[in-house]
PDB file of N, CA and C in Angstrom:
ATOM      1  N   MET A   1      20.248  18.753 -20.726  1.00  0.00           N
ATOM      2  CA  MET A   1      20.768  20.012 -20.224  1.00  0.00           C
ATOM      3  C   MET A   1      20.371  20.137 -18.761  1.00  0.00           C
ATOM      4  N   ASP A   2      21.359  20.248 -17.910  1.00  0.00           N
ATOM      5  CA  ASP A   2      21.034  20.385 -16.501  1.00  0.00           C
ATOM      6  C   ASP A   2      20.741  21.843 -16.155  1.00  0.00           C
ATOM      7  N   ASP A   3      20.212  22.026 -14.976  1.00  0.00           N
ATOM      8  CA  ASP A   3      19.734  23.344 -14.553  1.00  0.00           C
ATOM      9  C   ASP A   3      20.873  24.361 -14.468  1.00  0.00           C
ATOM     10  N   GLN A   4      22.004  23.940 -13.976  1.00  0.00           N
ATOM     11  CA  GLN A   4      23.134  24.857 -13.829  1.00  0.00           C
ATOM     12  C   GLN A   4      23.628  25.336 -15.201  1.00  0.00           C
ATOM     13  N   PHE A   5      23.696  24.427 -16.168  1.00  0.00           N
ATOM     14  CA  PHE A   5      24.126  24.793 -17.515  1.00  0.00           C
ATOM     15  C   PHE A   5      23.137  25.784 -18.132  1.00  0.00           C
ATOM     16  N   PHE A   6      21.839  25.500 -17.954  1.00  0.00           N
ATOM     17  CA  PHE A   6      20.809  26.400 -18.490  1.00  0.00           C
ATOM     18  C   PHE A   6      20.949  27.792 -17.882  1.00  0.00           C
ATOM     19  N   GLN A   7      21.124  27.851 -16.566  1.00  0.00           N
ATOM     20  CA  GLN A   7      21.241  29.150 -15.895  1.00  0.00           C
ATOM     21  C   GLN A   7      22.471  29.917 -16.374  1.00  0.00           C
ATOM     22  N   SER A   8      23.582  29.230 -16.578  1.00  0.00           N
ATOM     23  CA  SER A   8      24.792  29.924 -17.036  1.00  0.00           C
ATOM     24  C   SER A   8      24.600  30.458 -18.456  1.00  0.00           C
ATOM     25  N   LYS A   9      23.970  29.672 -19.319  1.00  0.00           N
ATOM     26  CA  LYS A   9      23.720  30.141 -20.689  1.00  0.00           C
ATOM     27  C   LYS A   9      22.728  31.303 -20.702  1.00  0.00           C
ATOM     28  N   LEU A  10      21.726  31.235 -19.851  1.00  0.00           N
ATOM     29  CA  LEU A  10      20.760  32.335 -19.768  1.00  0.00           C
ATOM     30  C   LEU A  10      21.432  33.603 -19.250  1.00  0.00           C
ATOM     31  N   ASP A  11      22.325  33.460 -18.287  1.00  0.00           N
ATOM     32  CA  ASP A  11      23.073  34.621 -17.783  1.00  0.00           C
ATOM     33  C   ASP A  11      23.942  35.230 -18.885  1.00  0.00           C
ATOM     34  N   GLU A  12      24.592  34.354 -19.683  1.00  0.00           N
ATOM     35  CA  GLU A  12      25.392  34.848 -20.809  1.00  0.00           C
ATOM     36  C   GLU A  12      24.514  35.630 -21.783  1.00  0.00           C
ATOM     37  N   LEU A  13      23.350  35.082 -22.077  1.00  0.00           N
ATOM     38  CA  LEU A  13      22.414  35.743 -22.997  1.00  0.00           C
ATOM     39  C   LEU A  13      21.990  37.095 -22.448  1.00  0.00           C
ATOM     40  N   MET A  14      21.681  37.144 -21.163  1.00  0.00           N
ATOM     41  CA  MET A  14      21.252  38.415 -20.554  1.00  0.00           C
ATOM     42  C   MET A  14      22.375  39.460 -20.622  1.00  0.00           C
ATOM     43  N   GLN A  15      23.627  39.017 -20.442  1.00  0.00           N
ATOM     44  CA  GLN A  15      24.750  39.955 -20.544  1.00  0.00           C
ATOM     45  C   GLN A  15      24.882  40.488 -21.971  1.00  0.00           C
ATOM     46  N   GLN A  16      24.684  39.613 -22.954  1.00  0.00           N
ATOM     47  CA  GLN A  16      24.760  40.051 -24.346  1.00  0.00           C
ATOM     48  C   GLN A  16      23.602  40.990 -24.680  1.00  0.00           C
ATOM     49  N   ILE A  17      22.429  40.715 -24.132  1.00  0.00           N
ATOM     50  CA  ILE A  17      21.267  41.583 -24.373  1.00  0.00           C
ATOM     51  C   ILE A  17      21.511  42.962 -23.782  1.00  0.00           C
ATOM     52  N   GLN A  18      22.182  43.035 -22.634  1.00  0.00           N
ATOM     53  CA  GLN A  18      22.458  44.318 -21.990  1.00  0.00           C
ATOM     54  C   GLN A  18      23.340  45.218 -22.870  1.00  0.00           C
ATOM     55  N   GLN A  19      24.075  44.631 -23.786  1.00  0.00           N
ATOM     56  CA  GLN A  19      24.967  45.411 -24.644  1.00  0.00           C
ATOM     57  C   GLN A  19      24.257  45.937 -25.898  1.00  0.00           C
ATOM     58  N   LEU A  20      23.016  45.523 -26.118  1.00  0.00           N
ATOM     59  CA  LEU A  20      22.272  45.959 -27.299  1.00  0.00           C
ATOM     60  C   LEU A  20      21.683  47.354 -27.095  1.00  0.00           C
ATOM     61  N   PRO A  21      21.329  48.018 -28.200  1.00  0.00           N
ATOM     62  CA  PRO A  21      20.655  49.319 -28.079  1.00  0.00           C
ATOM     63  C   PRO A  21      19.317  49.168 -27.370  1.00  0.00           C
ATOM     64  N   GLY A  22      18.863  50.229 -26.752  1.00  0.00           N
ATOM     65  CA  GLY A  22      17.667  50.223 -25.912  1.00  0.00           C
ATOM     66  C   GLY A  22      16.410  49.700 -26.559  1.00  0.00           C
ATOM     67  N   GLU A  23      16.139  50.043 -27.823  1.00  0.00           N
ATOM     68  CA  GLU A  23      14.876  49.631 -28.452  1.00  0.00           C
ATOM     69  C   GLU A  23      14.811  48.123 -28.669  1.00  0.00           C
ATOM     70  N   LYS A  24      15.934  47.475 -28.907  1.00  0.00           N
ATOM     71  CA  LYS A  24      15.947  46.022 -29.102  1.00  0.00           C
ATOM     72  C   LYS A  24      16.067  45.279 -27.763  1.00  0.00           C
ATOM     73  N   ARG A  25      16.699  45.921 -26.832  1.00  0.00           N
ATOM     74  CA  ARG A  25      16.975  45.283 -25.552  1.00  0.00           C
ATOM     75  C   ARG A  25      15.697  44.897 -24.803  1.00  0.00           C
ATOM     76  N   GLY A  26      14.712  45.774 -24.750  1.00  0.00           N
ATOM     77  CA  GLY A  26      13.491  45.528 -23.987  1.00  0.00           C
ATOM     78  C   GLY A  26      12.764  44.262 -24.406  1.00  0.00           C
ATOM     79  N   GLU A  27      12.583  44.105 -25.712  1.00  0.00           N
ATOM     80  CA  GLU A  27      11.867  42.932 -26.218  1.00  0.00           C
ATOM     81  C   GLU A  27      12.637  41.644 -25.926  1.00  0.00           C
ATOM     82  N   LEU A  28      13.955  41.672 -26.148  1.00  0.00           N
ATOM     83  CA  LEU A  28      14.760  40.473 -25.901  1.00  0.00           C
ATOM     84  C   LEU A  28      14.834  40.135 -24.416  1.00  0.00           C
ATOM     85  N   GLU A  29      14.908  41.166 -23.564  1.00  0.00           N
ATOM     86  CA  GLU A  29      14.901  40.904 -22.123  1.00  0.00           C
ATOM     87  C   GLU A  29      13.593  40.242 -21.714  1.00  0.00           C
ATOM     88  N   SER A  30      12.510  40.710 -22.300  1.00  0.00           N
ATOM     89  CA  SER A  30      11.205  40.124 -22.011  1.00  0.00           C
ATOM     90  C   SER A  30      11.156  38.651 -22.436  1.00  0.00           C
ATOM     91  N   LEU A  31      11.661  38.368 -23.629  1.00  0.00           N
ATOM     92  CA  LEU A  31      11.688  36.984 -24.112  1.00  0.00           C
ATOM     93  C   LEU A  31      12.578  36.099 -23.228  1.00  0.00           C
ATOM     94  N   ALA A  32      13.707  36.631 -22.825  1.00  0.00           N
ATOM     95  CA  ALA A  32      14.611  35.862 -21.961  1.00  0.00           C
ATOM     96  C   ALA A  32      13.956  35.585 -20.609  1.00  0.00           C
ATOM     97  N   GLN A  33      13.249  36.572 -20.075  1.00  0.00           N
ATOM     98  CA  GLN A  33      12.561  36.388 -18.797  1.00  0.00           C
ATOM     99  C   GLN A  33      11.439  35.351 -18.928  1.00  0.00           C
ATOM    100  N   GLN A  34      10.712  35.397 -20.048  1.00  0.00           N
ATOM    101  CA  GLN A  34       9.663  34.404 -20.280  1.00  0.00           C
ATOM    102  C   GLN A  34      10.262  32.999 -20.366  1.00  0.00           C
ATOM    103  N   THR A  35      11.407  32.897 -21.019  1.00  0.00           N
ATOM    104  CA  THR A  35      12.089  31.608 -21.122  1.00  0.00           C
ATOM    105  C   THR A  35      12.497  31.104 -19.748  1.00  0.00           C
ATOM    106  N   LYS A  36      13.028  31.993 -18.930  1.00  0.00           N
ATOM    107  CA  LYS A  36      13.420  31.615 -17.563  1.00  0.00           C
ATOM    108  C   LYS A  36      12.193  31.172 -16.766  1.00  0.00           C
ATOM    109  N   ASP A  37      11.098  31.908 -16.876  1.00  0.00           N
ATOM    110  CA  ASP A  37       9.874  31.556 -16.151  1.00  0.00           C
ATOM    111  C   ASP A  37       9.344  30.194 -16.586  1.00  0.00           C
ATOM    112  N   ARG A  38       9.347  29.943 -17.886  1.00  0.00           N
ATOM    113  CA  ARG A  38       8.892  28.640 -18.394  1.00  0.00           C
ATOM    114  C   ARG A  38       9.788  27.517 -17.894  1.00  0.00           C
ATOM    115  N   HIS A  39      11.078  27.768 -17.892  1.00  0.00           N
ATOM    116  CA  HIS A  39      12.019  26.765 -17.409  1.00  0.00           C
ATOM    117  C   HIS A  39      11.761  26.472 -15.929  1.00  0.00           C
ATOM    118  N   ASP A  40      11.543  27.507 -15.145  1.00  0.00           N
ATOM    119  CA  ASP A  40      11.260  27.316 -13.718  1.00  0.00           C
ATOM    120  C   ASP A  40       9.979  26.509 -13.515  1.00  0.00           C
ATOM    121  N   ARG A  41       8.944  26.830 -14.291  1.00  0.00           N
ATOM    122  CA  ARG A  41       7.683  26.085 -14.173  1.00  0.00           C
ATOM    123  C   ARG A  41       7.877  24.633 -14.592  1.00  0.00           C
ATOM    124  N   MET A  42       8.633  24.421 -15.642  1.00  0.00           N
ATOM    125  CA  MET A  42       8.892  23.060 -16.104  1.00  0.00           C
ATOM    126  C   MET A  42       9.684  22.283 -15.047  1.00  0.00           C
ATOM    127  N   ARG A  43      10.678  22.913 -14.440  1.00  0.00           N
ATOM    128  CA  ARG A  43      11.465  22.262 -13.396  1.00  0.00           C
ATOM    129  C   ARG A  43      10.572  21.896 -12.202  1.00  0.00           C
ATOM    130  N   ASP A  44       9.670  22.809 -11.830  1.00  0.00           N
ATOM    131  CA  ASP A  44       8.751  22.523 -10.729  1.00  0.00           C
ATOM    132  C   ASP A  44       7.797  21.382 -11.083  1.00  0.00           C
ATOM    133  N   ALA A  45       7.322  21.362 -12.325  1.00  0.00           N
ATOM    134  CA  ALA A  45       6.418  20.295 -12.760  1.00  0.00           C
ATOM    135  C   ALA A  45       7.136  18.944 -12.743  1.00  0.00           C
ATOM    136  N   VAL A  46       8.378  18.919 -13.173  1.00  0.00           N
ATOM    137  CA  VAL A  46       9.156  17.677 -13.155  1.00  0.00           C
ATOM    138  C   VAL A  46       9.383  17.225 -11.711  1.00  0.00           C
ATOM    139  N   LYS A  47       9.645  18.158 -10.828  1.00  0.00           N
ATOM    140  CA  LYS A  47       9.830  17.817  -9.415  1.00  0.00           C
ATOM    141  C   LYS A  47       8.557  17.227  -8.836  1.00  0.00           C
ATOM    142  N   GLU A  48       7.411  17.842  -9.116  1.00  0.00           N
ATOM    143  CA  GLU A  48       6.129  17.316  -8.636  1.00  0.00           C
ATOM    144  C   GLU A  48       5.854  15.935  -9.224  1.00  0.00           C
ATOM    145  N   LEU A  49       6.163  15.763 -10.497  1.00  0.00           N
ATOM    146  CA  LEU A  49       5.975  14.465 -11.137  1.00  0.00           C
ATOM    147  C   LEU A  49       6.851  13.401 -10.483  1.00  0.00           C
ATOM    148  N   GLN A  50       8.086  13.743 -10.175  1.00  0.00           N
ATOM    149  CA  GLN A  50       8.991  12.803  -9.512  1.00  0.00           C
ATOM    150  C   GLN A  50       8.453  12.421  -8.144  1.00  0.00           C
ATOM    151  N   GLU A  51       7.940  13.398  -7.403  1.00  0.00           N
ATOM    152  CA  GLU A  51       7.369  13.104  -6.089  1.00  0.00           C
ATOM    153  C   GLU A  51       6.147  12.198  -6.227  1.00  0.00           C
ATOM    154  N   SER A  52       5.330  12.437  -7.230  1.00  0.00           N
ATOM    155  CA  SER A  52       4.155  11.595  -7.460  1.00  0.00           C
ATOM    156  C   SER A  52       4.565  10.171  -7.819  1.00  0.00           C
ATOM    157  N   LEU A  53       5.593  10.043  -8.641  1.00  0.00           N
ATOM    158  CA  LEU A  53       6.086   8.712  -8.996  1.00  0.00           C
ATOM    159  C   LEU A  53       6.651   7.981  -7.782  1.00  0.00           C
ATOM    160  N   ASP A  54       7.363   8.707  -6.943  1.00  0.00           N
ATOM    161  CA  ASP A  54       7.901   8.098  -5.724  1.00  0.00           C
ATOM    162  C   ASP A  54       6.765   7.599  -4.834  1.00  0.00           C
ATOM    163  N   TYR A  55       5.718   8.413  -4.695  1.00  0.00           N
ATOM    164  CA  TYR A  55       4.566   8.022  -3.889  1.00  0.00           C
ATOM    165  C   TYR A  55       3.878   6.808  -4.511  1.00  0.00           C
ATOM    166  N   LEU A  56       3.748   6.796  -5.826  1.00  0.00           N
ATOM    167  CA  LEU A  56       3.124   5.668  -6.522  1.00  0.00           C
ATOM    168  C   LEU A  56       3.936   4.389  -6.313  1.00  0.00           C
ATOM    169  N   ARG A  57       5.252   4.485  -6.425  1.00  0.00           N
ATOM    170  CA  ARG A  57       6.107   3.312  -6.202  1.00  0.00           C
ATOM    171  C   ARG A  57       5.913   2.756  -4.791  1.00  0.00           C
ATOM    172  N   LEU A  58       5.893   3.647  -3.812  1.00  0.00           N
ATOM    173  CA  LEU A  58       5.704   3.220  -2.432  1.00  0.00           C
ATOM    174  C   LEU A  58       4.334   2.576  -2.248  1.00  0.00           C
ATOM    175  N   SER A  59       3.310   3.169  -2.830  1.00  0.00           N
ATOM    176  CA  SER A  59       1.956   2.614  -2.730  1.00  0.00           C
ATOM    177  C   SER A  59       1.885   1.229  -3.351  1.00  0.00           C
ATOM    178  N   VAL A  60       2.521   1.048  -4.485  1.00  0.00           N
ATOM    179  CA  VAL A  60       2.526  -0.265  -5.143  1.00  0.00           C
ATOM    180  C   VAL A  60       3.236  -1.287  -4.270  1.00  0.00           C
ATOM    181  N   LYS A  61       4.334  -0.893  -3.631  1.00  0.00           N
ATOM    182  CA  LYS A  61       5.045  -1.822  -2.748  1.00  0.00           C
ATOM    183  C   LYS A  61       4.146  -2.260  -1.593  1.00  0.00           C
ATOM    184  N   TYR A  62       3.420  -1.301  -1.006  1.00  0.00           N
ATOM    185  CA  TYR A  62       2.499  -1.655   0.076  1.00  0.00           C
ATOM    186  C   TYR A  62       1.386  -2.565  -0.422  1.00  0.00           C
ATOM    187  N   LEU A  63       0.864  -2.300  -1.607  1.00  0.00           N
ATOM    188  CA  LEU A  63      -0.198  -3.140  -2.161  1.00  0.00           C
ATOM    189  C   LEU A  63       0.290  -4.558  -2.441  1.00  0.00           C
ATOM    190  N   VAL A  64       1.501  -4.681  -2.969  1.00  0.00           N
ATOM    191  CA  VAL A  64       2.066  -6.005  -3.225  1.00  0.00           C
ATOM    192  C   VAL A  64       2.275  -6.744  -1.905  1.00  0.00           C
ATOM    193  N   PHE A  65       2.776  -6.045  -0.912  1.00  0.00           N
ATOM    194  CA  PHE A  65       2.961  -6.659   0.403  1.00  0.00           C
ATOM    195  C   PHE A  65       1.617  -7.134   0.962  1.00  0.00           C
ATOM    196  N   ASP A  66       0.597  -6.294   0.867  1.00  0.00           N
ATOM    197  CA  ASP A  66      -0.735  -6.653   1.353  1.00  0.00           C
ATOM    198  C   ASP A  66      -1.298  -7.842   0.584  1.00  0.00           C
ATOM    199  N   LEU A  67      -1.109  -7.862  -0.721  1.00  0.00           N
ATOM    200  CA  LEU A  67      -1.591  -8.978  -1.539  1.00  0.00           C
ATOM    201  C   LEU A  67      -0.912 -10.283  -1.132  1.00  0.00           C
ATOM    202  N   GLU A  68       0.391 -10.247  -0.934  1.00  0.00           N
ATOM    203  CA  GLU A  68       1.114 -11.448  -0.525  1.00  0.00           C
ATOM    204  C   GLU A  68       0.648 -11.924   0.850  1.00  0.00           C
ATOM    205  N   ALA A  69       0.433 -10.987   1.771  1.00  0.00           N
ATOM    206  CA  ALA A  69      -0.049 -11.360   3.100  1.00  0.00           C
ATOM    207  C   ALA A  69      -1.445 -11.970   3.018  1.00  0.00           C
ATOM    208  N   THR A  70      -2.305 -11.399   2.189  1.00  0.00           N
ATOM    209  CA  THR A  70      -3.660 -11.930   2.022  1.00  0.00           C
ATOM    210  C   THR A  70      -3.612 -13.333   1.435  1.00  0.00           C
ATOM    211  N   ARG A  71      -2.753 -13.562   0.481  1.00  0.00           N
ATOM    212  CA  ARG A  71      -2.615 -14.903  -0.104  1.00  0.00           C
ATOM    213  C   ARG A  71      -2.156 -15.917   0.947  1.00  0.00           C
ATOM    214  N   ARG A  72      -1.174 -15.523   1.772  1.00  0.00           N
ATOM    215  CA  ARG A  72      -0.709 -16.426   2.830  1.00  0.00           C
ATOM    216  C   ARG A  72      -1.837 -16.734   3.822  1.00  0.00           C
ATOM    217  N   GLU A  73      -2.593 -15.699   4.192  1.00  0.00           N
ATOM    218  CA  GLU A  73      -3.709 -15.904   5.116  1.00  0.00           C
ATOM    219  C   GLU A  73      -4.769 -16.810   4.505  1.00  0.00           C
ATOM    220  N   ASN A  74      -5.084 -16.602   3.241  1.00  0.00           N
ATOM    221  CA  ASN A  74      -6.074 -17.449   2.568  1.00  0.00           C
ATOM    222  C   ASN A  74      -5.610 -18.906   2.521  1.00  0.00           C
ATOM    223  N   LYS A  75      -4.351 -19.124   2.217  1.00  0.00           N
ATOM    224  CA  LYS A  75      -3.817 -20.485   2.176  1.00  0.00           C
ATOM    225  C   LYS A  75      -3.901 -21.123   3.551  1.00  0.00           C
ATOM    226  N   TYR A  76      -3.532 -20.376   4.562  1.00  0.00           N
ATOM    227  CA  TYR A  76      -3.594 -20.889   5.934  1.00  0.00           C
ATOM    228  C   TYR A  76      -5.035 -21.255   6.313  1.00  0.00           C
ATOM    229  N   LEU A  77      -5.986 -20.385   5.993  1.00  0.00           N
ATOM    230  CA  LEU A  77      -7.390 -20.658   6.327  1.00  0.00           C
ATOM    231  C   LEU A  77      -7.934 -21.840   5.538  1.00  0.00           C
ATOM    232  N   ARG A  78      -7.572 -21.969   4.281  1.00  0.00           N
ATOM    233  CA  ARG A  78      -8.009 -23.125   3.482  1.00  0.00           C
ATOM    234  C   ARG A  78      -7.468 -24.423   4.071  1.00  0.00           C
ATOM    235  N   ASP A  79      -6.189 -24.399   4.432  1.00  0.00           N
ATOM    236  CA  ASP A  79      -5.599 -25.584   5.047  1.00  0.00           C
ATOM    237  C   ASP A  79      -6.308 -25.933   6.356  1.00  0.00           C
ATOM    238  N   MET A  80      -6.634 -24.911   7.138  1.00  0.00           N
ATOM    239  CA  MET A  80      -7.338 -25.132   8.396  1.00  0.00           C
ATOM    240  C   MET A  80      -8.724 -25.738   8.136  1.00  0.00           C
ATOM    241  N   LEU A  81      -9.443 -25.213   7.144  1.00  0.00           N
ATOM    242  CA  LEU A  81     -10.764 -25.756   6.799  1.00  0.00           C
ATOM    243  C   LEU A  81     -10.651 -27.189   6.287  1.00  0.00           C
ATOM    244  N   ASN A  82      -9.663 -27.465   5.477  1.00  0.00           N
ATOM    245  CA  ASN A  82      -9.461 -28.832   4.963  1.00  0.00           C
ATOM    246  C   ASN A  82      -9.177 -29.805   6.098  1.00  0.00           C
ATOM    247  N   ARG A  83      -8.345 -29.398   7.049  1.00  0.00           N
ATOM    248  CA  ARG A  83      -8.057 -30.257   8.203  1.00  0.00           C
ATOM    249  C   ARG A  83      -9.317 -30.493   9.032  1.00  0.00           C
ATOM    250  N   GLN A  84     -10.096 -29.438   9.204  1.00  0.00           N
ATOM    251  CA  GLN A  84     -11.330 -29.554   9.977  1.00  0.00           C
ATOM    252  C   GLN A  84     -12.311 -30.503   9.284  1.00  0.00           C
ATOM    253  N   GLN A  85     -12.439 -30.374   7.973  1.00  0.00           N
ATOM    254  CA  GLN A  85     -13.338 -31.266   7.226  1.00  0.00           C
ATOM    255  C   GLN A  85     -12.845 -32.703   7.290  1.00  0.00           C
ATOM    256  N   THR A  86     -11.541 -32.895   7.225  1.00  0.00           N
ATOM    257  CA  THR A  86     -10.966 -34.225   7.307  1.00  0.00           C
ATOM    258  C   THR A  86     -11.221 -34.814   8.688  1.00  0.00           C
ATOM    259  N   ASP A  87     -11.054 -34.020   9.717  1.00  0.00           N
ATOM    260  CA  ASP A  87     -11.285 -34.473  11.090  1.00  0.00           C
ATOM    261  C   ASP A  87     -12.757 -34.824  11.294  1.00  0.00           C
ATOM    262  N   ASP A  88     -13.686 -34.021  10.711  1.00  0.00           N
ATOM    263  CA  ASP A  88     -15.133 -34.288  10.836  1.00  0.00           C
ATOM    264  C   ASP A  88     -15.488 -35.604  10.137  1.00  0.00           C
ATOM    265  N   ARG A  89     -14.880 -35.900   9.022  1.00  0.00           N
ATOM    266  CA  ARG A  89     -15.173 -37.144   8.298  1.00  0.00           C
ATOM    267  C   ARG A  89     -14.630 -38.370   9.072  1.00  0.00           C
ATOM    268  N   ASP A  90     -13.475 -38.201   9.683  1.00  0.00           N
ATOM    269  CA  ASP A  90     -12.859 -39.295  10.415  1.00  0.00           C
ATOM    270  C   ASP A  90     -13.594 -39.600  11.713  1.00  0.00           C
ATOM    271  N   ALA A  91     -14.280 -38.628  12.245  1.00  0.00           N
ATOM    272  CA  ALA A  91     -14.952 -38.803  13.533  1.00  0.00           C
ATOM    273  C   ALA A  91     -16.262 -39.532  13.441  1.00  0.00           C
TER     274      ALA A  91
END
């Protein structure tokens, strides 16, 4: 259920509640408002979660990039040390 559909159904419900007698209307309006508030909080929580996931994905990409760069540097340094040791033995 997308947000627009939820809002339209909630608006329909509120219109139907407005047609009820006064003693029943107050309690139902309160319940409908609580439902709207919960939905808003849930939507905000999902938005925050999505932002956190996006940040996590980006962080993982940077970590993978750093790991690959470190591996390349280590290989280069090992090769350099091996060449140096080979040159020292030959000399």
